[in-house]
C-alpha atoms as a PDB file:
ATOM      1  CA  UNK A   1      16.431   1.505  10.615  1.00  0.00           C
ATOM      2  CA  UNK A   2      19.451   2.295  12.762  1.00  0.00           C
ATOM      3  CA  UNK A   3      20.192   5.458  10.801  1.00  0.00           C
ATOM      4  CA  UNK A   4      16.619   6.669  11.231  1.00  0.00           C
ATOM      5  CA  UNK A   5      16.716   5.908  14.944  1.00  0.00           C
ATOM      6  CA  UNK A   6      19.863   8.029  15.250  1.00  0.00           C
ATOM      7  CA  UNK A   7      18.161  10.887  13.374  1.00  0.00           C
ATOM      8  CA  UNK A   8      20.302  10.409  10.283  1.00  0.00           C
ATOM      9  CA  UNK A   9      19.410  10.787   6.634  1.00  0.00           C
ATOM     10  CA  UNK A  10      19.580   8.017   4.070  1.00  0.00           C
ATOM     11  CA  UNK A  11      20.109   8.878   0.427  1.00  0.00           C
ATOM     12  CA  UNK A  12      18.920   6.473  -2.227  1.00  0.00           C
ATOM     13  CA  UNK A  13      20.311   6.336  -5.744  1.00  0.00           C
ATOM     14  CA  UNK A  14      18.496   4.189  -8.239  1.00  0.00           C
ATOM     15  CA  UNK A  15      20.172   2.837 -11.330  1.00  0.00           C
ATOM     16  CA  UNK A  16      18.555   1.218 -14.314  1.00  0.00           C
ATOM     17  CA  UNK A  17      20.350  -1.829 -15.628  1.00  0.00           C
ATOM     18  CA  UNK A  18      19.676  -3.039 -19.114  1.00  0.00           C
ATOM     19  CA  UNK A  19      20.716  -6.529 -19.933  1.00  0.00           C
ATOM     20  CA  UNK A  20      19.724  -9.900 -21.238  1.00  0.00           C
ATOM     21  CA  UNK A  21      16.114 -10.942 -20.838  1.00  0.00           C
ATOM     22  CA  UNK A  22      15.231 -13.557 -18.256  1.00  0.00           C
ATOM     23  CA  UNK A  23      12.600 -16.233 -18.124  1.00  0.00           C
ATOM     24  CA  UNK A  24       9.763 -14.732 -16.119  1.00  0.00           C
ATOM     25  CA  UNK A  25       7.553 -17.678 -15.331  1.00  0.00           C
ATOM     26  CA  UNK A  26       5.055 -18.061 -12.539  1.00  0.00           C
ATOM     27  CA  UNK A  27       7.553 -20.054 -10.477  1.00  0.00           C
ATOM     28  CA  UNK A  28      10.154 -17.251 -10.510  1.00  0.00           C
ATOM     29  CA  UNK A  29       7.529 -14.642  -9.645  1.00  0.00           C
ATOM     30  CA  UNK A  30       6.250 -16.774  -6.784  1.00  0.00           C
ATOM     31  CA  UNK A  31       9.769 -17.280  -5.412  1.00  0.00           C
ATOM     32  CA  UNK A  32      10.458 -13.549  -5.586  1.00  0.00           C
ATOM     33  CA  UNK A  33       7.219 -12.707  -3.765  1.00  0.00           C
ATOM     34  CA  UNK A  34       8.056 -15.296  -1.096  1.00  0.00           C
ATOM     35  CA  UNK A  35      11.508 -13.766  -0.650  1.00  0.00           C
ATOM     36  CA  UNK A  36      10.059 -10.267  -0.203  1.00  0.00           C
ATOM     37  CA  UNK A  37       7.399 -11.520   2.221  1.00  0.00           C
ATOM     38  CA  UNK A  38       9.995 -13.337   4.341  1.00  0.00           C
ATOM     39  CA  UNK A  39      12.107 -10.184   4.453  1.00  0.00           C
ATOM     40  CA  UNK A  40       9.123  -8.170   5.658  1.00  0.00           C
ATOM     41  CA  UNK A  41       8.427 -10.784   8.311  1.00  0.00           C
ATOM     42  CA  UNK A  42      12.007 -10.534   9.566  1.00  0.00           C
ATOM     43  CA  UNK A  43      11.729  -6.737   9.713  1.00  0.00           C
ATOM     44  CA  UNK A  44       8.619  -6.924  11.863  1.00  0.00           C
ATOM     45  CA  UNK A  45      10.367  -9.249  14.332  1.00  0.00           C
ATOM     46  CA  UNK A  46      13.273  -6.850  14.836  1.00  0.00           C
ATOM     47  CA  UNK A  47      13.567  -4.482  17.786  1.00  0.00           C
ATOM     48  CA  UNK A  48      14.233  -1.564  15.453  1.00  0.00           C
ATOM     49  CA  UNK A  49      10.621  -1.510  14.270  1.00  0.00           C
ATOM     50  CA  UNK A  50       9.467  -1.437  17.901  1.00  0.00           C
ATOM     51  CA  UNK A  51      11.744   1.526  18.608  1.00  0.00           C
ATOM     52  CA  UNK A  52      10.656   3.332  15.461  1.00  0.00           C
ATOM     53  CA  UNK A  53       7.031   2.793  16.417  1.00  0.00           C
ATOM     54  CA  UNK A  54       7.533   4.676  19.649  1.00  0.00           C
ATOM     55  CA  UNK A  55       9.285   7.618  17.982  1.00  0.00           C
ATOM     56  CA  UNK A  56       7.270   8.122  14.802  1.00  0.00           C
ATOM     57  CA  UNK A  57       4.248  10.330  14.505  1.00  0.00           C
ATOM     58  CA  UNK A  58       1.002   8.830  13.190  1.00  0.00           C
ATOM     59  CA  UNK A  59       1.623   9.525   9.495  1.00  0.00           C
ATOM     60  CA  UNK A  60       5.146   8.101   9.477  1.00  0.00           C
ATOM     61  CA  UNK A  61       3.998   5.076  11.438  1.00  0.00           C
ATOM     62  CA  UNK A  62       1.240   4.365   8.917  1.00  0.00           C
ATOM     63  CA  UNK A  63       3.752   4.767   6.108  1.00  0.00           C
ATOM     64  CA  UNK A  64       6.112   2.334   7.818  1.00  0.00           C
ATOM     65  CA  UNK A  65       3.263  -0.117   8.443  1.00  0.00           C
ATOM     66  CA  UNK A  66       1.973  -0.131   4.878  1.00  0.00           C
ATOM     67  CA  UNK A  67       5.459  -0.517   3.382  1.00  0.00           C
ATOM     68  CA  UNK A  68       6.173  -3.582   5.528  1.00  0.00           C
ATOM     69  CA  UNK A  69       3.546  -6.026   6.732  1.00  0.00           C
ATOM     70  CA  UNK A  70       0.496  -3.799   6.183  1.00  0.00           C
ATOM     71  CA  UNK A  71       0.489  -4.499   2.453  1.00  0.00           C
ATOM     72  CA  UNK A  72       0.081  -8.222   3.089  1.00  0.00           C
ATOM     73  CA  UNK A  73      -2.488  -7.759   5.861  1.00  0.00           C
ATOM     74  CA  UNK A  74      -4.645  -5.451   3.744  1.00  0.00           C
ATOM     75  CA  UNK A  75      -4.378  -7.842   0.769  1.00  0.00           C
ATOM     76  CA  UNK A  76      -5.495 -10.715   2.976  1.00  0.00           C
ATOM     77  CA  UNK A  77      -8.435  -8.739   4.381  1.00  0.00           C
ATOM     78  CA  UNK A  78      -9.553  -7.699   0.895  1.00  0.00           C
ATOM     79  CA  UNK A  79      -9.294 -11.311  -0.309  1.00  0.00           C
ATOM     80  CA  UNK A  80     -11.379 -12.555   2.628  1.00  0.00           C
ATOM     81  CA  UNK A  81     -14.040  -9.903   2.009  1.00  0.00           C
ATOM     82  CA  UNK A  82     -14.115 -10.743  -1.716  1.00  0.00           C
ATOM     83  CA  UNK A  83     -14.464 -14.496  -1.060  1.00  0.00           C
ATOM     84  CA  UNK A  84     -17.154 -13.891   1.555  1.00  0.00           C
ATOM     85  CA  UNK A  85     -19.078 -11.683  -0.859  1.00  0.00           C
ATOM     86  CA  UNK A  86     -18.870 -14.284  -3.650  1.00  0.00           C
ATOM     87  CA  UNK A  87     -19.926 -17.080  -1.304  1.00  0.00           C
ATOM     88  CA  UNK A  88     -22.842 -15.002  -0.019  1.00  0.00           C
ATOM     89  CA  UNK A  89     -23.918 -14.174  -3.579  1.00  0.00           C
ATOM     90  CA  UNK A  90     -23.809 -17.838  -4.654  1.00  0.00           C
ATOM     91  CA  UNK A  91     -25.690 -18.951  -1.550  1.00  0.00           C
ATOM     92  CA  UNK A  92     -28.446 -16.389  -2.080  1.00  0.00           C
ATOM     93  CA  UNK A  93     -28.874 -17.413  -5.744  1.00  0.00           C
ATOM     94  CA  UNK A  94     -28.946 -21.072  -4.716  1.00  0.00           C
ATOM     95  CA  UNK A  95     -31.590 -20.371  -2.047  1.00  0.00           C
ATOM     96  CA  UNK A  96     -33.716 -18.415  -4.556  1.00  0.00           C
ATOM     97  CA  UNK A  97     -33.640 -21.304  -7.030  1.00  0.00           C
ATOM     98  CA  UNK A  98     -34.622 -23.893  -4.406  1.00  0.00           C
ATOM     99  CA  UNK A  99     -37.642 -22.007  -3.104  1.00  0.00           C
ATOM    100  CA  UNK A 100     -39.089 -21.126  -6.524  1.00  0.00           C
END
């Protein structure tokens, strides 16, 4: 974030590592997701995000939002809408069966 605030460029090199297979159980996946979510939470609490928010244009700000906490917020909203829809569907079928 500091480099971006100082109008610098960041280069990213990605390497593929091939090695021994690991146990990929649900517990390891859950711990990894928790680690990533905690890191995103710490990013949002930093002052650098606040400063970037004031300097970015709309498109860069949306990109920054959806690569940090926006992914989790949109997932939560979609989950709530899905659960509400299922609950509403079950309730309407239940009401139809009672009144017939």
